[in-house]
PDB file of N, CA and C in Angstrom:
ATOM      1  N   MET A   1      36.462 102.259  -5.878  1.00  0.00           N
ATOM      2  CA  MET A   1      36.829 103.158  -4.793  1.00  0.00           C
ATOM      3  C   MET A   1      38.266 103.633  -5.008  1.00  0.00           C
ATOM      4  N   ALA A   2      38.489 104.894  -4.977  1.00  0.00           N
ATOM      5  CA  ALA A   2      39.828 105.458  -5.143  1.00  0.00           C
ATOM      6  C   ALA A   2      40.534 105.522  -3.794  1.00  0.00           C
ATOM      7  N   LEU A   3      41.830 105.331  -3.829  1.00  0.00           N
ATOM      8  CA  LEU A   3      42.655 105.445  -2.629  1.00  0.00           C
ATOM      9  C   LEU A   3      42.611 106.881  -2.129  1.00  0.00           C
ATOM     10  N   LYS A   4      42.277 107.055  -0.860  1.00  0.00           N
ATOM     11  CA  LYS A   4      42.185 108.394  -0.289  1.00  0.00           C
ATOM     12  C   LYS A   4      43.255 108.680   0.754  1.00  0.00           C
ATOM     13  N   ARG A   5      43.751 107.623   1.426  1.00  0.00           N
ATOM     14  CA  ARG A   5      44.711 107.838   2.511  1.00  0.00           C
ATOM     15  C   ARG A   5      45.790 106.758   2.448  1.00  0.00           C
ATOM     16  N   PHE A   6      47.022 107.188   2.236  1.00  0.00           N
ATOM     17  CA  PHE A   6      48.178 106.312   2.018  1.00  0.00           C
ATOM     18  C   PHE A   6      49.185 106.547   3.132  1.00  0.00           C
ATOM     19  N   GLY A   7      49.787 105.485   3.656  1.00  0.00           N
ATOM     20  CA  GLY A   7      50.802 105.621   4.688  1.00  0.00           C
ATOM     21  C   GLY A   7      52.148 105.119   4.221  1.00  0.00           C
ATOM     22  N   PHE A   8      53.206 105.795   4.630  1.00  0.00           N
ATOM     23  CA  PHE A   8      54.571 105.397   4.295  1.00  0.00           C
ATOM     24  C   PHE A   8      55.399 105.446   5.570  1.00  0.00           C
ATOM     25  N   ILE A   9      56.133 104.372   5.850  1.00  0.00           N
ATOM     26  CA  ILE A   9      56.991 104.309   7.034  1.00  0.00           C
ATOM     27  C   ILE A   9      58.430 104.181   6.573  1.00  0.00           C
ATOM     28  N   VAL A  10      59.285 105.046   7.120  1.00  0.00           N
ATOM     29  CA  VAL A  10      60.699 105.059   6.755  1.00  0.00           C
ATOM     30  C   VAL A  10      61.538 104.961   8.026  1.00  0.00           C
ATOM     31  N   THR A  11      62.662 104.251   7.942  1.00  0.00           N
ATOM     32  CA  THR A  11      63.571 104.178   9.082  1.00  0.00           C
ATOM     33  C   THR A  11      64.758 105.097   8.847  1.00  0.00           C
ATOM     34  N   GLY A  12      65.260 105.657   9.931  1.00  0.00           N
ATOM     35  CA  GLY A  12      66.436 106.512   9.851  1.00  0.00           C
ATOM     36  C   GLY A  12      66.953 106.826  11.248  1.00  0.00           C
ATOM     37  N   SER A  13      68.233 106.926  11.363  1.00  0.00           N
ATOM     38  CA  SER A  13      68.860 107.213  12.645  1.00  0.00           C
ATOM     39  C   SER A  13      68.316 108.508  13.240  1.00  0.00           C
ATOM     40  N   GLY A  14      67.905 108.439  14.505  1.00  0.00           N
ATOM     41  CA  GLY A  14      67.443 109.626  15.207  1.00  0.00           C
ATOM     42  C   GLY A  14      66.005 110.033  14.940  1.00  0.00           C
ATOM     43  N   LEU A  15      65.292 109.285  14.101  1.00  0.00           N
ATOM     44  CA  LEU A  15      63.895 109.640  13.833  1.00  0.00           C
ATOM     45  C   LEU A  15      63.008 109.227  15.003  1.00  0.00           C
ATOM     46  N   ASP A  16      62.012 110.037  15.278  1.00  0.00           N
ATOM     47  CA  ASP A  16      61.063 109.801  16.356  1.00  0.00           C
ATOM     48  C   ASP A  16      59.667 109.941  15.760  1.00  0.00           C
ATOM     49  N   PRO A  17      58.858 108.877  15.785  1.00  0.00           N
ATOM     50  CA  PRO A  17      57.544 108.959  15.143  1.00  0.00           C
ATOM     51  C   PRO A  17      56.614 110.012  15.738  1.00  0.00           C
ATOM     52  N   ALA A  18      56.877 110.429  16.971  1.00  0.00           N
ATOM     53  CA  ALA A  18      56.058 111.483  17.570  1.00  0.00           C
ATOM     54  C   ALA A  18      56.390 112.849  16.982  1.00  0.00           C
ATOM     55  N   ILE A  19      57.585 112.973  16.413  1.00  0.00           N
ATOM     56  CA  ILE A  19      58.042 114.258  15.863  1.00  0.00           C
ATOM     57  C   ILE A  19      58.138 114.213  14.341  1.00  0.00           C
ATOM     58  N   HIS A  20      58.685 113.131  13.819  1.00  0.00           N
ATOM     59  CA  HIS A  20      58.980 113.026  12.385  1.00  0.00           C
ATOM     60  C   HIS A  20      57.810 112.381  11.646  1.00  0.00           C
ATOM     61  N   ARG A  21      56.850 113.221  11.373  1.00  0.00           N
ATOM     62  CA  ARG A  21      55.627 112.807  10.704  1.00  0.00           C
ATOM     63  C   ARG A  21      55.171 113.971   9.832  1.00  0.00           C
ATOM     64  N   LEU A  22      54.764 113.663   8.616  1.00  0.00           N
ATOM     65  CA  LEU A  22      54.265 114.724   7.750  1.00  0.00           C
ATOM     66  C   LEU A  22      53.072 114.228   6.963  1.00  0.00           C
ATOM     67  N   GLU A  23      52.263 115.179   6.536  1.00  0.00           N
ATOM     68  CA  GLU A  23      51.126 114.862   5.695  1.00  0.00           C
ATOM     69  C   GLU A  23      51.180 115.718   4.443  1.00  0.00           C
ATOM     70  N   MET A  24      50.956 115.074   3.336  1.00  0.00           N
ATOM     71  CA  MET A  24      50.852 115.754   2.045  1.00  0.00           C
ATOM     72  C   MET A  24      49.402 115.573   1.601  1.00  0.00           C
ATOM     73  N   ARG A  25      48.708 116.681   1.357  1.00  0.00           N
ATOM     74  CA  ARG A  25      47.274 116.614   1.077  1.00  0.00           C
ATOM     75  C   ARG A  25      46.890 117.287  -0.231  1.00  0.00           C
ATOM     76  N   SER A  26      45.896 116.710  -0.839  1.00  0.00           N
ATOM     77  CA  SER A  26      45.164 117.358  -1.917  1.00  0.00           C
ATOM     78  C   SER A  26      43.698 117.297  -1.489  1.00  0.00           C
ATOM     79  N   PRO A  27      42.788 117.869  -2.252  1.00  0.00           N
ATOM     80  CA  PRO A  27      41.381 117.769  -1.857  1.00  0.00           C
ATOM     81  C   PRO A  27      40.856 116.331  -1.791  1.00  0.00           C
ATOM     82  N   THR A  28      41.509 115.399  -2.474  1.00  0.00           N
ATOM     83  CA  THR A  28      40.991 114.029  -2.530  1.00  0.00           C
ATOM     84  C   THR A  28      41.961 112.955  -2.047  1.00  0.00           C
ATOM     85  N   PHE A  29      43.158 113.330  -1.618  1.00  0.00           N
ATOM     86  CA  PHE A  29      44.163 112.326  -1.260  1.00  0.00           C
ATOM     87  C   PHE A  29      45.061 112.859  -0.151  1.00  0.00           C
ATOM     88  N   THR A  30      45.442 111.981   0.781  1.00  0.00           N
ATOM     89  CA  THR A  30      46.382 112.326   1.842  1.00  0.00           C
ATOM     90  C   THR A  30      47.437 111.231   1.940  1.00  0.00           C
ATOM     91  N   MET A  31      48.695 111.645   1.967  1.00  0.00           N
ATOM     92  CA  MET A  31      49.790 110.726   2.247  1.00  0.00           C
ATOM     93  C   MET A  31      50.345 111.086   3.620  1.00  0.00           C
ATOM     94  N   VAL A  32      50.489 110.081   4.481  1.00  0.00           N
ATOM     95  CA  VAL A  32      51.065 110.269   5.803  1.00  0.00           C
ATOM     96  C   VAL A  32      52.390 109.523   5.822  1.00  0.00           C
ATOM     97  N   ALA A  33      53.480 110.235   6.074  1.00  0.00           N
ATOM     98  CA  ALA A  33      54.803 109.618   6.177  1.00  0.00           C
ATOM     99  C   ALA A  33      55.275 109.731   7.616  1.00  0.00           C
ATOM    100  N   VAL A  34      55.772 108.621   8.152  1.00  0.00           N
ATOM    101  CA  VAL A  34      56.230 108.583   9.532  1.00  0.00           C
ATOM    102  C   VAL A  34      57.642 108.004   9.560  1.00  0.00           C
ATOM    103  N   GLY A  35      58.542 108.687  10.273  1.00  0.00           N
ATOM    104  CA  GLY A  35      59.910 108.218  10.440  1.00  0.00           C
ATOM    105  C   GLY A  35      60.079 107.510  11.769  1.00  0.00           C
ATOM    106  N   ILE A  36      60.773 106.375  11.738  1.00  0.00           N
ATOM    107  CA  ILE A  36      61.029 105.599  12.948  1.00  0.00           C
ATOM    108  C   ILE A  36      62.518 105.272  13.027  1.00  0.00           C
ATOM    109  N   PRO A  37      63.058 105.061  14.240  1.00  0.00           N
ATOM    110  CA  PRO A  37      64.485 104.794  14.356  1.00  0.00           C
ATOM    111  C   PRO A  37      64.889 103.367  13.995  1.00  0.00           C
ATOM    112  N   ARG A  38      63.985 102.410  14.181  1.00  0.00           N
ATOM    113  CA  ARG A  38      64.308 100.996  13.934  1.00  0.00           C
ATOM    114  C   ARG A  38      63.118 100.300  13.277  1.00  0.00           C
ATOM    115  N   ALA A  39      63.387  99.326  12.452  1.00  0.00           N
ATOM    116  CA  ALA A  39      62.312  98.578  11.790  1.00  0.00           C
ATOM    117  C   ALA A  39      61.396  97.910  12.807  1.00  0.00           C
ATOM    118  N   GLU A  40      61.913  97.557  13.959  1.00  0.00           N
ATOM    119  CA  GLU A  40      61.117  96.903  14.995  1.00  0.00           C
ATOM    120  C   GLU A  40      59.972  97.789  15.490  1.00  0.00           C
ATOM    121  N   ASP A  41      60.061  99.096  15.260  1.00  0.00           N
ATOM    122  CA  ASP A  41      59.019 100.027  15.687  1.00  0.00           C
ATOM    123  C   ASP A  41      57.848 100.097  14.709  1.00  0.00           C
ATOM    124  N   ALA A  42      58.009  99.513  13.542  1.00  0.00           N
ATOM    125  CA  ALA A  42      56.994  99.640  12.493  1.00  0.00           C
ATOM    126  C   ALA A  42      55.646  99.025  12.841  1.00  0.00           C
ATOM    127  N   PRO A  43      55.577  97.856  13.455  1.00  0.00           N
ATOM    128  CA  PRO A  43      54.246  97.306  13.727  1.00  0.00           C
ATOM    129  C   PRO A  43      53.349  98.240  14.545  1.00  0.00           C
ATOM    130  N   ALA A  44      53.888  98.863  15.577  1.00  0.00           N
ATOM    131  CA  ALA A  44      53.082  99.777  16.400  1.00  0.00           C
ATOM    132  C   ALA A  44      52.635 100.994  15.592  1.00  0.00           C
ATOM    133  N   VAL A  45      53.535 101.550  14.798  1.00  0.00           N
ATOM    134  CA  VAL A  45      53.189 102.717  13.975  1.00  0.00           C
ATOM    135  C   VAL A  45      52.163 102.316  12.919  1.00  0.00           C
ATOM    136  N   ALA A  46      52.313 101.144  12.343  1.00  0.00           N
ATOM    137  CA  ALA A  46      51.354 100.671  11.341  1.00  0.00           C
ATOM    138  C   ALA A  46      49.961 100.540  11.942  1.00  0.00           C
ATOM    139  N   ARG A  47      49.877 100.001  13.159  1.00  0.00           N
ATOM    140  CA  ARG A  47      48.563  99.892  13.812  1.00  0.00           C
ATOM    141  C   ARG A  47      47.939 101.274  14.016  1.00  0.00           C
ATOM    142  N   GLU A  48      48.739 102.250  14.398  1.00  0.00           N
ATOM    143  CA  GLU A  48      48.237 103.617  14.567  1.00  0.00           C
ATOM    144  C   GLU A  48      47.725 104.184  13.250  1.00  0.00           C
ATOM    145  N   LEU A  49      48.503 103.987  12.182  1.00  0.00           N
ATOM    146  CA  LEU A  49      48.098 104.522  10.880  1.00  0.00           C
ATOM    147  C   LEU A  49      46.798 103.893  10.391  1.00  0.00           C
ATOM    148  N   VAL A  50      46.665 102.590  10.589  1.00  0.00           N
ATOM    149  CA  VAL A  50      45.419 101.918  10.187  1.00  0.00           C
ATOM    150  C   VAL A  50      44.252 102.462  11.006  1.00  0.00           C
ATOM    151  N   ALA A  51      44.472 102.673  12.294  1.00  0.00           N
ATOM    152  CA  ALA A  51      43.411 103.238  13.150  1.00  0.00           C
ATOM    153  C   ALA A  51      43.014 104.643  12.701  1.00  0.00           C
ATOM    154  N   GLU A  52      43.948 105.356  12.061  1.00  0.00           N
ATOM    155  CA  GLU A  52      43.673 106.708  11.548  1.00  0.00           C
ATOM    156  C   GLU A  52      43.043 106.692  10.164  1.00  0.00           C
ATOM    157  N   GLY A  53      42.823 105.513   9.606  1.00  0.00           N
ATOM    158  CA  GLY A  53      42.133 105.419   8.326  1.00  0.00           C
ATOM    159  C   GLY A  53      43.006 105.204   7.107  1.00  0.00           C
ATOM    160  N   VAL A  54      44.292 104.918   7.292  1.00  0.00           N
ATOM    161  CA  VAL A  54      45.153 104.628   6.147  1.00  0.00           C
ATOM    162  C   VAL A  54      44.638 103.360   5.464  1.00  0.00           C
ATOM    163  N   GLU A  55      44.574 103.401   4.139  1.00  0.00           N
ATOM    164  CA  GLU A  55      44.025 102.293   3.355  1.00  0.00           C
ATOM    165  C   GLU A  55      45.096 101.429   2.692  1.00  0.00           C
ATOM    166  N   LEU A  56      46.328 101.917   2.692  1.00  0.00           N
ATOM    167  CA  LEU A  56      47.440 101.216   2.056  1.00  0.00           C
ATOM    168  C   LEU A  56      48.712 101.662   2.762  1.00  0.00           C
ATOM    169  N   LEU A  57      49.599 100.715   3.075  1.00  0.00           N
ATOM    170  CA  LEU A  57      50.869 101.035   3.727  1.00  0.00           C
ATOM    171  C   LEU A  57      52.025 100.622   2.837  1.00  0.00           C
ATOM    172  N   GLU A  58      53.025 101.465   2.783  1.00  0.00           N
ATOM    173  CA  GLU A  58      54.252 101.122   2.083  1.00  0.00           C
ATOM    174  C   GLU A  58      55.414 101.367   3.038  1.00  0.00           C
ATOM    175  N   LEU A  59      56.413 100.509   2.942  1.00  0.00           N
ATOM    176  CA  LEU A  59      57.581 100.569   3.805  1.00  0.00           C
ATOM    177  C   LEU A  59      58.820 100.860   2.980  1.00  0.00           C
ATOM    178  N   CYS A  60      59.765 101.587   3.569  1.00  0.00           N
ATOM    179  CA  CYS A  60      61.003 101.883   2.852  1.00  0.00           C
ATOM    180  C   CYS A  60      61.766 100.584   2.574  1.00  0.00           C
ATOM    181  N   GLY A  61      62.745 100.648   1.718  1.00  0.00           N
ATOM    182  CA  GLY A  61      63.471  99.471   1.268  1.00  0.00           C
ATOM    183  C   GLY A  61      64.224  98.722   2.345  1.00  0.00           C
ATOM    184  N   GLY A  62      64.477  99.347   3.483  1.00  0.00           N
ATOM    185  CA  GLY A  62      65.201  98.678   4.547  1.00  0.00           C
ATOM    186  C   GLY A  62      64.424  97.557   5.219  1.00  0.00           C
ATOM    187  N   PHE A  63      63.149  97.459   4.984  1.00  0.00           N
ATOM    188  CA  PHE A  63      62.336  96.444   5.643  1.00  0.00           C
ATOM    189  C   PHE A  63      62.454  95.076   4.995  1.00  0.00           C
ATOM    190  N   GLY A  64      62.436  95.042   3.689  1.00  0.00           N
ATOM    191  CA  GLY A  64      62.461  93.765   2.990  1.00  0.00           C
ATOM    192  C   GLY A  64      61.184  92.973   3.227  1.00  0.00           C
ATOM    193  N   PRO A  65      61.121  91.777   2.661  1.00  0.00           N
ATOM    194  CA  PRO A  65      59.898  90.987   2.759  1.00  0.00           C
ATOM    195  C   PRO A  65      59.567  90.542   4.183  1.00  0.00           C
ATOM    196  N   LEU A  66      60.560  90.254   5.002  1.00  0.00           N
ATOM    197  CA  LEU A  66      60.269  89.831   6.379  1.00  0.00           C
ATOM    198  C   LEU A  66      59.695  90.968   7.209  1.00  0.00           C
ATOM    199  N   GLY A  67      60.243  92.165   7.045  1.00  0.00           N
ATOM    200  CA  GLY A  67      59.701  93.323   7.754  1.00  0.00           C
ATOM    201  C   GLY A  67      58.281  93.618   7.323  1.00  0.00           C
ATOM    202  N   ALA A  68      58.030  93.507   6.031  1.00  0.00           N
ATOM    203  CA  ALA A  68      56.672  93.733   5.523  1.00  0.00           C
ATOM    204  C   ALA A  68      55.712  92.682   6.092  1.00  0.00           C
ATOM    205  N   ALA A  69      56.169  91.438   6.185  1.00  0.00           N
ATOM    206  CA  ALA A  69      55.323  90.376   6.745  1.00  0.00           C
ATOM    207  C   ALA A  69      55.002  90.646   8.211  1.00  0.00           C
ATOM    208  N   ARG A  70      55.976  91.153   8.964  1.00  0.00           N
ATOM    209  CA  ARG A  70      55.723  91.477  10.382  1.00  0.00           C
ATOM    210  C   ARG A  70      54.677  92.586  10.519  1.00  0.00           C
ATOM    211  N   VAL A  71      54.763  93.584   9.657  1.00  0.00           N
ATOM    212  CA  VAL A  71      53.790  94.679   9.696  1.00  0.00           C
ATOM    213  C   VAL A  71      52.411  94.161   9.299  1.00  0.00           C
ATOM    214  N   LEU A  72      52.351  93.379   8.252  1.00  0.00           N
ATOM    215  CA  LEU A  72      51.070  92.828   7.803  1.00  0.00           C
ATOM    216  C   LEU A  72      50.431  91.988   8.905  1.00  0.00           C
ATOM    217  N   GLU A  73      51.238  91.203   9.592  1.00  0.00           N
ATOM    218  CA  GLU A  73      50.726  90.396  10.711  1.00  0.00           C
ATOM    219  C   GLU A  73      50.241  91.292  11.853  1.00  0.00           C
ATOM    220  N   ALA A  74      50.988  92.354  12.148  1.00  0.00           N
ATOM    221  CA  ALA A  74      50.637  93.250  13.255  1.00  0.00           C
ATOM    222  C   ALA A  74      49.298  93.947  13.035  1.00  0.00           C
ATOM    223  N   ILE A  75      48.967  94.211  11.772  1.00  0.00           N
ATOM    224  CA  ILE A  75      47.691  94.878  11.485  1.00  0.00           C
ATOM    225  C   ILE A  75      46.615  93.872  11.083  1.00  0.00           C
ATOM    226  N   ASP A  76      46.945  92.594  11.206  1.00  0.00           N
ATOM    227  CA  ASP A  76      46.009  91.516  10.902  1.00  0.00           C
ATOM    228  C   ASP A  76      45.443  91.623   9.485  1.00  0.00           C
ATOM    229  N   GLY A  77      46.308  92.061   8.543  1.00  0.00           N
ATOM    230  CA  GLY A  77      45.897  92.136   7.143  1.00  0.00           C
ATOM    231  C   GLY A  77      44.822  93.166   6.847  1.00  0.00           C
ATOM    232  N   ALA A  78      44.664  94.146   7.721  1.00  0.00           N
ATOM    233  CA  ALA A  78      43.592  95.138   7.555  1.00  0.00           C
ATOM    234  C   ALA A  78      43.707  95.943   6.264  1.00  0.00           C
ATOM    235  N   VAL A  79      44.936  96.204   5.819  1.00  0.00           N
ATOM    236  CA  VAL A  79      45.177  96.934   4.564  1.00  0.00           C
ATOM    237  C   VAL A  79      46.359  96.284   3.860  1.00  0.00           C
ATOM    238  N   PRO A  80      46.503  96.484   2.560  1.00  0.00           N
ATOM    239  CA  PRO A  80      47.673  95.959   1.861  1.00  0.00           C
ATOM    240  C   PRO A  80      48.957  96.623   2.372  1.00  0.00           C
ATOM    241  N   VAL A  81      50.036  95.841   2.409  1.00  0.00           N
ATOM    242  CA  VAL A  81      51.349  96.335   2.826  1.00  0.00           C
ATOM    243  C   VAL A  81      52.357  95.975   1.744  1.00  0.00           C
ATOM    244  N   GLY A  82      53.121  96.982   1.311  1.00  0.00           N
ATOM    245  CA  GLY A  82      54.168  96.755   0.326  1.00  0.00           C
ATOM    246  C   GLY A  82      55.478  97.324   0.829  1.00  0.00           C
ATOM    247  N   ALA A  83      56.558  96.934   0.185  1.00  0.00           N
ATOM    248  CA  ALA A  83      57.877  97.441   0.556  1.00  0.00           C
ATOM    249  C   ALA A  83      58.626  97.842  -0.706  1.00  0.00           C
ATOM    250  N   VAL A  84      59.322  98.949  -0.629  1.00  0.00           N
ATOM    251  CA  VAL A  84      60.154  99.407  -1.738  1.00  0.00           C
ATOM    252  C   VAL A  84      61.239  98.363  -1.973  1.00  0.00           C
ATOM    253  N   GLY A  85      61.549  98.085  -3.216  1.00  0.00           N
ATOM    254  CA  GLY A  85      62.596  97.124  -3.545  1.00  0.00           C
ATOM    255  C   GLY A  85      63.639  97.753  -4.449  1.00  0.00           C
ATOM    256  N   TYR A  86      64.819  97.183  -4.420  1.00  0.00           N
ATOM    257  CA  TYR A  86      65.928  97.664  -5.248  1.00  0.00           C
ATOM    258  C   TYR A  86      66.396  96.531  -6.139  1.00  0.00           C
ATOM    259  N   GLY A  87      66.655  96.853  -7.382  1.00  0.00           N
ATOM    260  CA  GLY A  87      67.144  95.860  -8.319  1.00  0.00           C
ATOM    261  C   GLY A  87      68.643  95.645  -8.188  1.00  0.00           C
ATOM    262  N   PRO A  88      69.158  94.642  -8.873  1.00  0.00           N
ATOM    263  CA  PRO A  88      70.586  94.317  -8.776  1.00  0.00           C
ATOM    264  C   PRO A  88      71.494  95.471  -9.215  1.00  0.00           C
ATOM    265  N   GLU A  89      70.990  96.354 -10.061  1.00  0.00           N
ATOM    266  CA  GLU A  89      71.800  97.485 -10.515  1.00  0.00           C
ATOM    267  C   GLU A  89      72.092  98.474  -9.392  1.00  0.00           C
ATOM    268  N   SER A  90      71.382  98.361  -8.270  1.00  0.00           N
ATOM    269  CA  SER A  90      71.573  99.282  -7.145  1.00  0.00           C
ATOM    270  C   SER A  90      72.385  98.695  -5.998  1.00  0.00           C
ATOM    271  N   ILE A  91      72.739  97.437  -6.069  1.00  0.00           N
ATOM    272  CA  ILE A  91      73.403  96.758  -4.949  1.00  0.00           C
ATOM    273  C   ILE A  91      74.708  97.441  -4.545  1.00  0.00           C
ATOM    274  N   ASP A  92      75.560  97.750  -5.492  1.00  0.00           N
ATOM    275  CA  ASP A  92      76.849  98.377  -5.146  1.00  0.00           C
ATOM    276  C   ASP A  92      76.650  99.736  -4.477  1.00  0.00           C
ATOM    277  N   ALA A  93      75.734 100.528  -4.985  1.00  0.00           N
ATOM    278  CA  ALA A  93      75.474 101.844  -4.395  1.00  0.00           C
ATOM    279  C   ALA A  93      74.881 101.712  -2.997  1.00  0.00           C
ATOM    280  N   LEU A  94      74.001 100.736  -2.795  1.00  0.00           N
ATOM    281  CA  LEU A  94      73.445 100.504  -1.462  1.00  0.00           C
ATOM    282  C   LEU A  94      74.540 100.089  -0.488  1.00  0.00           C
ATOM    283  N   TYR A  95      75.441  99.243  -0.936  1.00  0.00           N
ATOM    284  CA  TYR A  95      76.544  98.814  -0.085  1.00  0.00           C
ATOM    285  C   TYR A  95      77.380 100.017   0.343  1.00  0.00           C
ATOM    286  N   ARG A  96      77.670 100.904  -0.598  1.00  0.00           N
ATOM    287  CA  ARG A  96      78.471 102.090  -0.252  1.00  0.00           C
ATOM    288  C   ARG A  96      77.749 102.963   0.783  1.00  0.00           C
ATOM    289  N   LEU A  97      76.429 103.023   0.727  1.00  0.00           N
ATOM    290  CA  LEU A  97      75.667 103.827   1.687  1.00  0.00           C
ATOM    291  C   LEU A  97      75.627 103.217   3.085  1.00  0.00           C
ATOM    292  N   PHE A  98      75.531 101.893   3.157  1.00  0.00           N
ATOM    293  CA  PHE A  98      75.240 101.251   4.441  1.00  0.00           C
ATOM    294  C   PHE A  98      76.321 100.367   4.999  1.00  0.00           C
ATOM    295  N   ALA A  99      77.411 100.134   4.291  1.00  0.00           N
ATOM    296  CA  ALA A  99      78.486  99.286   4.831  1.00  0.00           C
ATOM    297  C   ALA A  99      79.173 100.001   5.970  1.00  0.00           C
ATOM    298  N   PRO A 100      79.627  99.251   6.974  1.00  0.00           N
ATOM    299  CA  PRO A 100      80.408  99.889   8.044  1.00  0.00           C
ATOM    300  C   PRO A 100      81.612 100.620   7.452  1.00  0.00           C
ATOM    301  N   ALA A 101      81.969 101.743   8.048  1.00  0.00           N
ATOM    302  CA  ALA A 101      83.041 102.586   7.511  1.00  0.00           C
ATOM    303  C   ALA A 101      84.323 101.805   7.275  1.00  0.00           C
ATOM    304  N   GLU A 102      84.668 100.896   8.164  1.00  0.00           N
ATOM    305  CA  GLU A 102      85.925 100.156   8.014  1.00  0.00           C
ATOM    306  C   GLU A 102      85.900  99.186   6.860  1.00  0.00           C
ATOM    307  N   ARG A 103      84.710  98.894   6.293  1.00  0.00           N
ATOM    308  CA  ARG A 103      84.608  97.945   5.180  1.00  0.00           C
ATOM    309  C   ARG A 103      84.273  98.630   3.856  1.00  0.00           C
ATOM    310  N   GLN A 104      84.091  99.951   3.857  1.00  0.00           N
ATOM    311  CA  GLN A 104      83.718 100.631   2.619  1.00  0.00           C
ATOM    312  C   GLN A 104      84.868 100.638   1.626  1.00  0.00           C
ATOM    313  N   VAL A 105      84.489 100.491   0.381  1.00  0.00           N
ATOM    314  CA  VAL A 105      85.437 100.507  -0.728  1.00  0.00           C
ATOM    315  C   VAL A 105      85.170 101.749  -1.551  1.00  0.00           C
ATOM    316  N   CYS A 106      86.210 102.488  -1.879  1.00  0.00           N
ATOM    317  CA  CYS A 106      86.017 103.725  -2.664  1.00  0.00           C
ATOM    318  C   CYS A 106      85.894 103.443  -4.127  1.00  0.00           C
TER     319      CYS A 106
END
């Protein structure tokens, strides 16, 4: 069986899942991406996506393994859940993106 419907959840300041949602379609595949303001909102959105027929969920890198586990638990393991990961070569760049302004190093 080929994957037909894929879901991706991303967190970002000011995102609203009722507004920030897009679908990318081909004749045989659909990707649904949903933006949420906080990782804590992911379980509810994941349940909605599974109810809509998503067969696989992926989470942005901000979730980590614990966030992925919470989503997997919320959907009772109905579909596989993965999370984007970053290798050690990206740590410094990630810090520059997300460190509080008063702690950023140029």
